[in-house]
Amino acid sequence: MYNVLSLLLGLVALGLPLYTVLRPSSDRRALRAAVGSGSAGLLALLCQLLEVGRRIAVQDYAGLEDIWGAMLLAGVVLVLLTVLLNGVLLHSRRHPADGKMPEEVSP
């Protein structure tokens, strides 16, 4: 259960900045997307911690030994890509390619 939820939240964390970069939006929406993406990434990591806790509760230490390296790598990649994509998102809204500052859209 936690693994599926973690996977979905990780995809949201990576997809939200990409979606926002590819469509025109205001600075406010870009900031909301960056916060939402970071939050989804944190929740994905929390789900992985809960999965580890569940495995410890049922004393599945062999299962933990098998997957801890992959979980660590996946968590590091998720954090790095989320930070990178959110940085690109916020930078693209502040410094657009055409040199014009984006106009603020009222909410």
PDB file of N, CA and C in Angstrom:
ATOM      1  N   MET A   1       0.817  -1.195   0.000  1.00  0.00           N
ATOM      2  CA  MET A   1       0.000   0.000   0.000  1.00  0.00           C
ATOM      3  C   MET A   1       0.861   1.260   0.000  1.00  0.00           C
ATOM      4  N   TYR A   2       1.841   1.303   0.923  1.00  0.00           N
ATOM      5  CA  TYR A   2       2.696   2.486   1.003  1.00  0.00           C
ATOM      6  C   TYR A   2       3.572   2.633  -0.234  1.00  0.00           C
ATOM      7  N   ASN A   3       3.978   1.505  -0.824  1.00  0.00           N
ATOM      8  CA  ASN A   3       4.833   1.583  -2.007  1.00  0.00           C
ATOM      9  C   ASN A   3       4.105   2.198  -3.193  1.00  0.00           C
ATOM     10  N   VAL A   4       2.849   1.828  -3.386  1.00  0.00           N
ATOM     11  CA  VAL A   4       2.069   2.383  -4.502  1.00  0.00           C
ATOM     12  C   VAL A   4       1.826   3.869  -4.283  1.00  0.00           C
ATOM     13  N   LEU A   5       1.466   4.234  -3.064  1.00  0.00           N
ATOM     14  CA  LEU A   5       1.234   5.638  -2.750  1.00  0.00           C
ATOM     15  C   LEU A   5       2.514   6.454  -2.916  1.00  0.00           C
ATOM     16  N   SER A   6       3.637   5.886  -2.496  1.00  0.00           N
ATOM     17  CA  SER A   6       4.925   6.564  -2.650  1.00  0.00           C
ATOM     18  C   SER A   6       5.261   6.762  -4.121  1.00  0.00           C
ATOM     19  N   LEU A   7       5.001   5.760  -4.938  1.00  0.00           N
ATOM     20  CA  LEU A   7       5.263   5.875  -6.370  1.00  0.00           C
ATOM     21  C   LEU A   7       4.400   6.964  -7.007  1.00  0.00           C
ATOM     22  N   LEU A   8       3.121   6.988  -6.675  1.00  0.00           N
ATOM     23  CA  LEU A   8       2.224   8.009  -7.233  1.00  0.00           C
ATOM     24  C   LEU A   8       2.633   9.416  -6.786  1.00  0.00           C
ATOM     25  N   LEU A   9       2.961   9.569  -5.508  1.00  0.00           N
ATOM     26  CA  LEU A   9       3.381  10.885  -5.021  1.00  0.00           C
ATOM     27  C   LEU A   9       4.710  11.314  -5.643  1.00  0.00           C
ATOM     28  N   GLY A  10       5.611  10.373  -5.875  1.00  0.00           N
ATOM     29  CA  GLY A  10       6.866  10.690  -6.547  1.00  0.00           C
ATOM     30  C   GLY A  10       6.647  11.156  -7.977  1.00  0.00           C
ATOM     31  N   LEU A  11       5.713  10.518  -8.666  1.00  0.00           N
ATOM     32  CA  LEU A  11       5.393  10.952 -10.031  1.00  0.00           C
ATOM     33  C   LEU A  11       4.769  12.346 -10.036  1.00  0.00           C
ATOM     34  N   VAL A  12       3.928  12.631  -9.064  1.00  0.00           N
ATOM     35  CA  VAL A  12       3.359  13.977  -8.944  1.00  0.00           C
ATOM     36  C   VAL A  12       4.468  14.996  -8.670  1.00  0.00           C
ATOM     37  N   ALA A  13       5.388  14.641  -7.780  1.00  0.00           N
ATOM     38  CA  ALA A  13       6.487  15.548  -7.438  1.00  0.00           C
ATOM     39  C   ALA A  13       7.347  15.882  -8.654  1.00  0.00           C
ATOM     40  N   LEU A  14       7.528  14.930  -9.546  1.00  0.00           N
ATOM     41  CA  LEU A  14       8.340  15.173 -10.742  1.00  0.00           C
ATOM     42  C   LEU A  14       7.519  15.745 -11.894  1.00  0.00           C
ATOM     43  N   GLY A  15       6.259  15.375 -11.979  1.00  0.00           N
ATOM     44  CA  GLY A  15       5.438  15.818 -13.100  1.00  0.00           C
ATOM     45  C   GLY A  15       4.894  17.218 -12.971  1.00  0.00           C
ATOM     46  N   LEU A  16       4.615  17.654 -11.761  1.00  0.00           N
ATOM     47  CA  LEU A  16       4.018  18.975 -11.551  1.00  0.00           C
ATOM     48  C   LEU A  16       4.909  20.111 -12.051  1.00  0.00           C
ATOM     49  N   PRO A  17       6.208  20.132 -11.750  1.00  0.00           N
ATOM     50  CA  PRO A  17       7.037  21.205 -12.306  1.00  0.00           C
ATOM     51  C   PRO A  17       7.165  21.127 -13.822  1.00  0.00           C
ATOM     52  N   LEU A  18       7.248  19.906 -14.366  1.00  0.00           N
ATOM     53  CA  LEU A  18       7.339  19.774 -15.821  1.00  0.00           C
ATOM     54  C   LEU A  18       6.084  20.318 -16.498  1.00  0.00           C
ATOM     55  N   TYR A  19       4.934  19.972 -15.968  1.00  0.00           N
ATOM     56  CA  TYR A  19       3.662  20.444 -16.522  1.00  0.00           C
ATOM     57  C   TYR A  19       3.583  21.972 -16.452  1.00  0.00           C
ATOM     58  N   THR A  20       4.013  22.547 -15.343  1.00  0.00           N
ATOM     59  CA  THR A  20       3.918  23.996 -15.167  1.00  0.00           C
ATOM     60  C   THR A  20       4.910  24.734 -16.062  1.00  0.00           C
ATOM     61  N   VAL A  21       6.081  24.157 -16.304  1.00  0.00           N
ATOM     62  CA  VAL A  21       7.060  24.791 -17.196  1.00  0.00           C
ATOM     63  C   VAL A  21       6.548  24.795 -18.627  1.00  0.00           C
ATOM     64  N   LEU A  22       5.866  23.723 -19.029  1.00  0.00           N
ATOM     65  CA  LEU A  22       5.441  23.592 -20.427  1.00  0.00           C
ATOM     66  C   LEU A  22       4.195  24.395 -20.775  1.00  0.00           C
ATOM     67  N   ARG A  23       3.489  24.916 -19.786  1.00  0.00           N
ATOM     68  CA  ARG A  23       2.306  25.724 -20.090  1.00  0.00           C
ATOM     69  C   ARG A  23       2.476  27.106 -19.471  1.00  0.00           C
ATOM     70  N   PRO A  24       1.956  28.131 -20.130  1.00  0.00           N
ATOM     71  CA  PRO A  24       2.112  29.480 -19.593  1.00  0.00           C
ATOM     72  C   PRO A  24       1.326  29.648 -18.299  1.00  0.00           C
ATOM     73  N   SER A  25       1.975  30.244 -17.325  1.00  0.00           N
ATOM     74  CA  SER A  25       1.314  30.507 -16.057  1.00  0.00           C
ATOM     75  C   SER A  25       2.006  31.675 -15.375  1.00  0.00           C
ATOM     76  N   SER A  26       1.400  32.158 -14.321  1.00  0.00           N
ATOM     77  CA  SER A  26       1.949  33.298 -13.598  1.00  0.00           C
ATOM     78  C   SER A  26       2.998  32.837 -12.589  1.00  0.00           C
ATOM     79  N   ASP A  27       3.693  33.821 -12.004  1.00  0.00           N
ATOM     80  CA  ASP A  27       4.676  33.521 -10.964  1.00  0.00           C
ATOM     81  C   ASP A  27       4.014  32.856  -9.762  1.00  0.00           C
ATOM     82  N   ARG A  28       2.797  33.291  -9.447  1.00  0.00           N
ATOM     83  CA  ARG A  28       2.092  32.748  -8.291  1.00  0.00           C
ATOM     84  C   ARG A  28       1.780  31.267  -8.503  1.00  0.00           C
ATOM     85  N   ARG A  29       1.342  30.914  -9.703  1.00  0.00           N
ATOM     86  CA  ARG A  29       1.052  29.505  -9.987  1.00  0.00           C
ATOM     87  C   ARG A  29       2.325  28.671  -9.990  1.00  0.00           C
ATOM     88  N   ALA A  30       3.414  29.252 -10.468  1.00  0.00           N
ATOM     89  CA  ALA A  30       4.689  28.535 -10.463  1.00  0.00           C
ATOM     90  C   ALA A  30       5.140  28.266  -9.031  1.00  0.00           C
ATOM     91  N   LEU A  31       4.958  29.251  -8.162  1.00  0.00           N
ATOM     92  CA  LEU A  31       5.333  29.056  -6.763  1.00  0.00           C
ATOM     93  C   LEU A  31       4.453  27.994  -6.109  1.00  0.00           C
ATOM     94  N   ARG A  32       3.164  28.019  -6.408  1.00  0.00           N
ATOM     95  CA  ARG A  32       2.262  26.988  -5.875  1.00  0.00           C
ATOM     96  C   ARG A  32       2.656  25.602  -6.369  1.00  0.00           C
ATOM     97  N   ALA A  33       3.021  25.506  -7.641  1.00  0.00           N
ATOM     98  CA  ALA A  33       3.430  24.221  -8.197  1.00  0.00           C
ATOM     99  C   ALA A  33       4.715  23.729  -7.539  1.00  0.00           C
ATOM    100  N   ALA A  34       5.643  24.635  -7.283  1.00  0.00           N
ATOM    101  CA  ALA A  34       6.903  24.247  -6.635  1.00  0.00           C
ATOM    102  C   ALA A  34       6.660  23.762  -5.208  1.00  0.00           C
ATOM    103  N   VAL A  35       5.789  24.454  -4.480  1.00  0.00           N
ATOM    104  CA  VAL A  35       5.466  24.036  -3.112  1.00  0.00           C
ATOM    105  C   VAL A  35       4.730  22.694  -3.135  1.00  0.00           C
ATOM    106  N   GLY A  36       3.791  22.542  -4.049  1.00  0.00           N
ATOM    107  CA  GLY A  36       3.060  21.281  -4.174  1.00  0.00           C
ATOM    108  C   GLY A  36       3.969  20.129  -4.553  1.00  0.00           C
ATOM    109  N   SER A  37       4.912  20.389  -5.433  1.00  0.00           N
ATOM    110  CA  SER A  37       5.851  19.359  -5.856  1.00  0.00           C
ATOM    111  C   SER A  37       6.754  18.938  -4.699  1.00  0.00           C
ATOM    112  N   GLY A  38       7.263  19.901  -3.972  1.00  0.00           N
ATOM    113  CA  GLY A  38       8.100  19.582  -2.818  1.00  0.00           C
ATOM    114  C   GLY A  38       7.332  18.814  -1.760  1.00  0.00           C
ATOM    115  N   SER A  39       6.092  19.217  -1.532  1.00  0.00           N
ATOM    116  CA  SER A  39       5.254  18.520  -0.544  1.00  0.00           C
ATOM    117  C   SER A  39       4.977  17.081  -0.975  1.00  0.00           C
ATOM    118  N   ALA A  40       4.695  16.879  -2.252  1.00  0.00           N
ATOM    119  CA  ALA A  40       4.456  15.518  -2.743  1.00  0.00           C
ATOM    120  C   ALA A  40       5.714  14.660  -2.596  1.00  0.00           C
ATOM    121  N   GLY A  41       6.876  15.253  -2.841  1.00  0.00           N
ATOM    122  CA  GLY A  41       8.127  14.521  -2.666  1.00  0.00           C
ATOM    123  C   GLY A  41       8.360  14.124  -1.210  1.00  0.00           C
ATOM    124  N   LEU A  42       8.082  15.051  -0.300  1.00  0.00           N
ATOM    125  CA  LEU A  42       8.222  14.737   1.124  1.00  0.00           C
ATOM    126  C   LEU A  42       7.247  13.651   1.560  1.00  0.00           C
ATOM    127  N   LEU A  43       6.026  13.719   1.072  1.00  0.00           N
ATOM    128  CA  LEU A  43       5.049  12.682   1.414  1.00  0.00           C
ATOM    129  C   LEU A  43       5.448  11.326   0.835  1.00  0.00           C
ATOM    130  N   ALA A  44       6.061  11.316  -0.339  1.00  0.00           N
ATOM    131  CA  ALA A  44       6.539  10.062  -0.926  1.00  0.00           C
ATOM    132  C   ALA A  44       7.624   9.439  -0.050  1.00  0.00           C
ATOM    133  N   LEU A  45       8.531  10.279   0.449  1.00  0.00           N
ATOM    134  CA  LEU A  45       9.567   9.764   1.341  1.00  0.00           C
ATOM    135  C   LEU A  45       8.977   9.298   2.664  1.00  0.00           C
ATOM    136  N   LEU A  46       7.967   9.992   3.164  1.00  0.00           N
ATOM    137  CA  LEU A  46       7.296   9.566   4.391  1.00  0.00           C
ATOM    138  C   LEU A  46       6.649   8.196   4.200  1.00  0.00           C
ATOM    139  N   CYS A  47       6.039   7.977   3.051  1.00  0.00           N
ATOM    140  CA  CYS A  47       5.433   6.671   2.771  1.00  0.00           C
ATOM    141  C   CYS A  47       6.493   5.570   2.781  1.00  0.00           C
ATOM    142  N   GLN A  48       7.672   5.862   2.277  1.00  0.00           N
ATOM    143  CA  GLN A  48       8.739   4.865   2.315  1.00  0.00           C
ATOM    144  C   GLN A  48       9.167   4.571   3.750  1.00  0.00           C
ATOM    145  N   LEU A  49       9.234   5.602   4.585  1.00  0.00           N
ATOM    146  CA  LEU A  49       9.561   5.379   5.999  1.00  0.00           C
ATOM    147  C   LEU A  49       8.486   4.542   6.687  1.00  0.00           C
ATOM    148  N   LEU A  50       7.234   4.803   6.355  1.00  0.00           N
ATOM    149  CA  LEU A  50       6.155   4.003   6.925  1.00  0.00           C
ATOM    150  C   LEU A  50       6.238   2.549   6.473  1.00  0.00           C
ATOM    151  N   GLU A  51       6.655   2.329   5.243  1.00  0.00           N
ATOM    152  CA  GLU A  51       6.839   0.962   4.744  1.00  0.00           C
ATOM    153  C   GLU A  51       7.959   0.253   5.505  1.00  0.00           C
ATOM    154  N   VAL A  52       9.047   0.958   5.775  1.00  0.00           N
ATOM    155  CA  VAL A  52      10.127   0.381   6.570  1.00  0.00           C
ATOM    156  C   VAL A  52       9.616   0.042   7.969  1.00  0.00           C
ATOM    157  N   GLY A  53       8.842   0.951   8.565  1.00  0.00           N
ATOM    158  CA  GLY A  53       8.274   0.694   9.883  1.00  0.00           C
ATOM    159  C   GLY A  53       7.360  -0.522   9.889  1.00  0.00           C
ATOM    160  N   ARG A  54       6.578  -0.682   8.831  1.00  0.00           N
ATOM    161  CA  ARG A  54       5.694  -1.845   8.736  1.00  0.00           C
ATOM    162  C   ARG A  54       6.505  -3.129   8.649  1.00  0.00           C
ATOM    163  N   ARG A  55       7.577  -3.102   7.867  1.00  0.00           N
ATOM    164  CA  ARG A  55       8.407  -4.299   7.733  1.00  0.00           C
ATOM    165  C   ARG A  55       9.122  -4.640   9.046  1.00  0.00           C
ATOM    166  N   ILE A  56       9.522  -3.616   9.777  1.00  0.00           N
ATOM    167  CA  ILE A  56      10.138  -3.859  11.079  1.00  0.00           C
ATOM    168  C   ILE A  56       9.106  -4.449  12.038  1.00  0.00           C
ATOM    169  N   ALA A  57       7.873  -3.958  11.991  1.00  0.00           N
ATOM    170  CA  ALA A  57       6.821  -4.456  12.888  1.00  0.00           C
ATOM    171  C   ALA A  57       6.541  -5.930  12.671  1.00  0.00           C
ATOM    172  N   VAL A  58       6.634  -6.383  11.419  1.00  0.00           N
ATOM    173  CA  VAL A  58       6.394  -7.811  11.153  1.00  0.00           C
ATOM    174  C   VAL A  58       7.699  -8.602  11.128  1.00  0.00           C
ATOM    175  N   GLN A  59       8.786  -7.964  11.525  1.00  0.00           N
ATOM    176  CA  GLN A  59      10.119  -8.574  11.626  1.00  0.00           C
ATOM    177  C   GLN A  59      10.600  -9.164  10.301  1.00  0.00           C
ATOM    178  N   ASP A  60      10.400  -8.411   9.223  1.00  0.00           N
ATOM    179  CA  ASP A  60      10.863  -8.825   7.895  1.00  0.00           C
ATOM    180  C   ASP A  60      12.231  -8.197   7.626  1.00  0.00           C
ATOM    181  N   TYR A  61      13.209  -8.596   8.423  1.00  0.00           N
ATOM    182  CA  TYR A  61      14.539  -8.005   8.303  1.00  0.00           C
ATOM    183  C   TYR A  61      15.238  -8.422   7.018  1.00  0.00           C
ATOM    184  N   ALA A  62      14.994  -9.624   6.558  1.00  0.00           N
ATOM    185  CA  ALA A  62      15.596 -10.070   5.299  1.00  0.00           C
ATOM    186  C   ALA A  62      15.075  -9.234   4.132  1.00  0.00           C
ATOM    187  N   GLY A  63      13.775  -8.901   4.175  1.00  0.00           N
ATOM    188  CA  GLY A  63      13.203  -8.044   3.130  1.00  0.00           C
ATOM    189  C   GLY A  63      13.810  -6.652   3.148  1.00  0.00           C
ATOM    190  N   LEU A  64      14.053  -6.143   4.340  1.00  0.00           N
ATOM    191  CA  LEU A  64      14.681  -4.823   4.446  1.00  0.00           C
ATOM    192  C   LEU A  64      16.108  -4.845   3.917  1.00  0.00           C
ATOM    193  N   GLU A  65      16.827  -5.917   4.222  1.00  0.00           N
ATOM    194  CA  GLU A  65      18.196  -6.030   3.717  1.00  0.00           C
ATOM    195  C   GLU A  65      18.219  -6.065   2.195  1.00  0.00           C
ATOM    196  N   ASP A  66      17.201  -6.661   1.598  1.00  0.00           N
ATOM    197  CA  ASP A  66      17.156  -6.764   0.143  1.00  0.00           C
ATOM    198  C   ASP A  66      16.871  -5.425  -0.535  1.00  0.00           C
ATOM    199  N   ILE A  67      16.073  -4.584   0.094  1.00  0.00           N
ATOM    200  CA  ILE A  67      15.599  -3.383  -0.615  1.00  0.00           C
ATOM    201  C   ILE A  67      16.174  -2.069  -0.111  1.00  0.00           C
ATOM    202  N   TRP A  68      16.963  -2.065   0.966  1.00  0.00           N
ATOM    203  CA  TRP A  68      17.368  -0.784   1.533  1.00  0.00           C
ATOM    204  C   TRP A  68      18.225   0.032   0.572  1.00  0.00           C
ATOM    205  N   GLY A  69      19.067  -0.601  -0.193  1.00  0.00           N
ATOM    206  CA  GLY A  69      19.918   0.134  -1.141  1.00  0.00           C
ATOM    207  C   GLY A  69      19.103   0.788  -2.247  1.00  0.00           C
ATOM    208  N   ALA A  70      18.142   0.065  -2.767  1.00  0.00           N
ATOM    209  CA  ALA A  70      17.281   0.617  -3.815  1.00  0.00           C
ATOM    210  C   ALA A  70      16.403   1.740  -3.272  1.00  0.00           C
ATOM    211  N   MET A  71      15.915   1.574  -2.034  1.00  0.00           N
ATOM    212  CA  MET A  71      15.097   2.632  -1.430  1.00  0.00           C
ATOM    213  C   MET A  71      15.917   3.902  -1.219  1.00  0.00           C
ATOM    214  N   LEU A  72      17.153   3.737  -0.780  1.00  0.00           N
ATOM    215  CA  LEU A  72      18.021   4.888  -0.571  1.00  0.00           C
ATOM    216  C   LEU A  72      18.311   5.598  -1.891  1.00  0.00           C
ATOM    217  N   LEU A  73      18.646   4.831  -2.912  1.00  0.00           N
ATOM    218  CA  LEU A  73      18.930   5.412  -4.227  1.00  0.00           C
ATOM    219  C   LEU A  73      17.701   6.125  -4.788  1.00  0.00           C
ATOM    220  N   ALA A  74      16.547   5.495  -4.683  1.00  0.00           N
ATOM    221  CA  ALA A  74      15.317   6.111  -5.194  1.00  0.00           C
ATOM    222  C   ALA A  74      14.998   7.405  -4.448  1.00  0.00           C
ATOM    223  N   GLY A  75      15.204   7.416  -3.146  1.00  0.00           N
ATOM    224  CA  GLY A  75      14.947   8.626  -2.363  1.00  0.00           C
ATOM    225  C   GLY A  75      15.885   9.763  -2.741  1.00  0.00           C
ATOM    226  N   VAL A  76      17.160   9.453  -2.912  1.00  0.00           N
ATOM    227  CA  VAL A  76      18.139  10.476  -3.298  1.00  0.00           C
ATOM    228  C   VAL A  76      17.824  11.025  -4.685  1.00  0.00           C
ATOM    229  N   VAL A  77      17.510  10.139  -5.627  1.00  0.00           N
ATOM    230  CA  VAL A  77      17.172  10.582  -6.990  1.00  0.00           C
ATOM    231  C   VAL A  77      15.911  11.451  -6.969  1.00  0.00           C
ATOM    232  N   LEU A  78      14.905  11.046  -6.202  1.00  0.00           N
ATOM    233  CA  LEU A  78      13.672  11.828  -6.103  1.00  0.00           C
ATOM    234  C   LEU A  78      13.952  13.225  -5.571  1.00  0.00           C
ATOM    235  N   VAL A  79      14.729  13.322  -4.512  1.00  0.00           N
ATOM    236  CA  VAL A  79      15.030  14.633  -3.923  1.00  0.00           C
ATOM    237  C   VAL A  79      15.820  15.493  -4.901  1.00  0.00           C
ATOM    238  N   LEU A  80      16.851  14.928  -5.512  1.00  0.00           N
ATOM    239  CA  LEU A  80      17.671  15.718  -6.436  1.00  0.00           C
ATOM    240  C   LEU A  80      16.881  16.189  -7.650  1.00  0.00           C
ATOM    241  N   LEU A  81      16.089  15.296  -8.245  1.00  0.00           N
ATOM    242  CA  LEU A  81      15.308  15.694  -9.416  1.00  0.00           C
ATOM    243  C   LEU A  81      14.215  16.701  -9.052  1.00  0.00           C
ATOM    244  N   THR A  82      13.596  16.541  -7.901  1.00  0.00           N
ATOM    245  CA  THR A  82      12.559  17.486  -7.485  1.00  0.00           C
ATOM    246  C   THR A  82      13.147  18.869  -7.265  1.00  0.00           C
ATOM    247  N   VAL A  83      14.278  18.939  -6.585  1.00  0.00           N
ATOM    248  CA  VAL A  83      14.927  20.234  -6.358  1.00  0.00           C
ATOM    249  C   VAL A  83      15.361  20.847  -7.686  1.00  0.00           C
ATOM    250  N   LEU A  84      15.940  20.050  -8.564  1.00  0.00           N
ATOM    251  CA  LEU A  84      16.385  20.557  -9.868  1.00  0.00           C
ATOM    252  C   LEU A  84      15.211  21.065 -10.700  1.00  0.00           C
ATOM    253  N   LEU A  85      14.146  20.280 -10.804  1.00  0.00           N
ATOM    254  CA  LEU A  85      12.992  20.692 -11.611  1.00  0.00           C
ATOM    255  C   LEU A  85      12.292  21.921 -11.022  1.00  0.00           C
ATOM    256  N   ASN A  86      12.192  21.994  -9.708  1.00  0.00           N
ATOM    257  CA  ASN A  86      11.587  23.176  -9.097  1.00  0.00           C
ATOM    258  C   ASN A  86      12.469  24.409  -9.294  1.00  0.00           C
ATOM    259  N   GLY A  87      13.778  24.224  -9.269  1.00  0.00           N
ATOM    260  CA  GLY A  87      14.685  25.335  -9.562  1.00  0.00           C
ATOM    261  C   GLY A  87      14.533  25.829 -10.990  1.00  0.00           C
ATOM    262  N   VAL A  88      14.435  24.898 -11.931  1.00  0.00           N
ATOM    263  CA  VAL A  88      14.216  25.272 -13.335  1.00  0.00           C
ATOM    264  C   VAL A  88      12.879  25.982 -13.482  1.00  0.00           C
ATOM    265  N   LEU A  89      11.858  25.480 -12.816  1.00  0.00           N
ATOM    266  CA  LEU A  89      10.527  26.095 -12.883  1.00  0.00           C
ATOM    267  C   LEU A  89      10.564  27.531 -12.389  1.00  0.00           C
ATOM    268  N   LEU A  90      11.111  27.739 -11.209  1.00  0.00           N
ATOM    269  CA  LEU A  90      11.131  29.092 -10.649  1.00  0.00           C
ATOM    270  C   LEU A  90      12.052  30.018 -11.431  1.00  0.00           C
ATOM    271  N   HIS A  91      13.162  29.492 -11.933  1.00  0.00           N
ATOM    272  CA  HIS A  91      14.066  30.316 -12.738  1.00  0.00           C
ATOM    273  C   HIS A  91      13.423  30.692 -14.074  1.00  0.00           C
ATOM    274  N   SER A  92      12.686  29.774 -14.677  1.00  0.00           N
ATOM    275  CA  SER A  92      12.071  30.068 -15.973  1.00  0.00           C
ATOM    276  C   SER A  92      10.975  31.119 -15.842  1.00  0.00           C
ATOM    277  N   ARG A  93      10.346  31.207 -14.691  1.00  0.00           N
ATOM    278  CA  ARG A  93       9.308  32.222 -14.480  1.00  0.00           C
ATOM    279  C   ARG A  93       9.914  33.588 -14.191  1.00  0.00           C
ATOM    280  N   ARG A  94      11.094  33.610 -13.619  1.00  0.00           N
ATOM    281  CA  ARG A  94      11.759  34.883 -13.321  1.00  0.00           C
ATOM    282  C   ARG A  94      12.554  35.416 -14.507  1.00  0.00           C
ATOM    283  N   HIS A  95      13.082  34.514 -15.318  1.00  0.00           N
ATOM    284  CA  HIS A  95      13.923  34.897 -16.451  1.00  0.00           C
ATOM    285  C   HIS A  95      13.466  34.146 -17.695  1.00  0.00           C
ATOM    286  N   PRO A  96      12.366  34.571 -18.328  1.00  0.00           N
ATOM    287  CA  PRO A  96      11.878  33.854 -19.509  1.00  0.00           C
ATOM    288  C   PRO A  96      12.852  33.984 -20.682  1.00  0.00           C
ATOM    289  N   ALA A  97      12.762  33.060 -21.622  1.00  0.00           N
ATOM    290  CA  ALA A  97      13.687  33.005 -22.755  1.00  0.00           C
ATOM    291  C   ALA A  97      13.561  34.216 -23.667  1.00  0.00           C
ATOM    292  N   ASP A  98      12.373  34.816 -23.767  1.00  0.00           N
ATOM    293  CA  ASP A  98      12.201  35.948 -24.672  1.00  0.00           C
ATOM    294  C   ASP A  98      12.643  37.268 -24.056  1.00  0.00           C
ATOM    295  N   GLY A  99      13.099  37.267 -22.822  1.00  0.00           N
ATOM    296  CA  GLY A  99      13.597  38.481 -22.179  1.00  0.00           C
ATOM    297  C   GLY A  99      12.531  39.349 -21.561  1.00  0.00           C
ATOM    298  N   LYS A 100      11.267  39.022 -21.727  1.00  0.00           N
ATOM    299  CA  LYS A 100      10.177  39.808 -21.156  1.00  0.00           C
ATOM    300  C   LYS A 100       9.778  39.212 -19.811  1.00  0.00           C
ATOM    301  N   MET A 101       9.476  40.073 -18.869  1.00  0.00           N
ATOM    302  CA  MET A 101       8.990  39.606 -17.580  1.00  0.00           C
ATOM    303  C   MET A 101       7.536  39.150 -17.747  1.00  0.00           C
ATOM    304  N   PRO A 102       7.180  38.036 -17.120  1.00  0.00           N
ATOM    305  CA  PRO A 102       5.790  37.575 -17.245  1.00  0.00           C
ATOM    306  C   PRO A 102       4.840  38.534 -16.546  1.00  0.00           C
ATOM    307  N   GLU A 103       3.666  38.685 -17.131  1.00  0.00           N
ATOM    308  CA  GLU A 103       2.661  39.538 -16.536  1.00  0.00           C
ATOM    309  C   GLU A 103       1.957  38.794 -15.422  1.00  0.00           C
ATOM    310  N   GLU A 104       1.665  39.534 -14.357  1.00  0.00           N
ATOM    311  CA  GLU A 104       0.970  38.936 -13.228  1.00  0.00           C
ATOM    312  C   GLU A 104      -0.495  38.758 -13.570  1.00  0.00           C
ATOM    313  N   VAL A 105      -1.009  37.569 -13.350  1.00  0.00           N
ATOM    314  CA  VAL A 105      -2.405  37.264 -13.605  1.00  0.00           C
ATOM    315  C   VAL A 105      -3.139  37.320 -12.285  1.00  0.00           C
ATOM    316  N   SER A 106      -4.243  38.022 -12.262  1.00  0.00           N
ATOM    317  CA  SER A 106      -4.988  38.099 -11.005  1.00  0.00           C
ATOM    318  C   SER A 106      -5.651  36.747 -10.711  1.00  0.00           C
ATOM    319  N   PRO A 107      -5.735  36.400  -9.431  1.00  0.00           N
ATOM    320  CA  PRO A 107      -6.263  35.073  -9.073  1.00  0.00           C
ATOM    321  C   PRO A 107      -7.701  34.876  -9.419  1.00  0.00           C
TER     322      PRO A 107
END
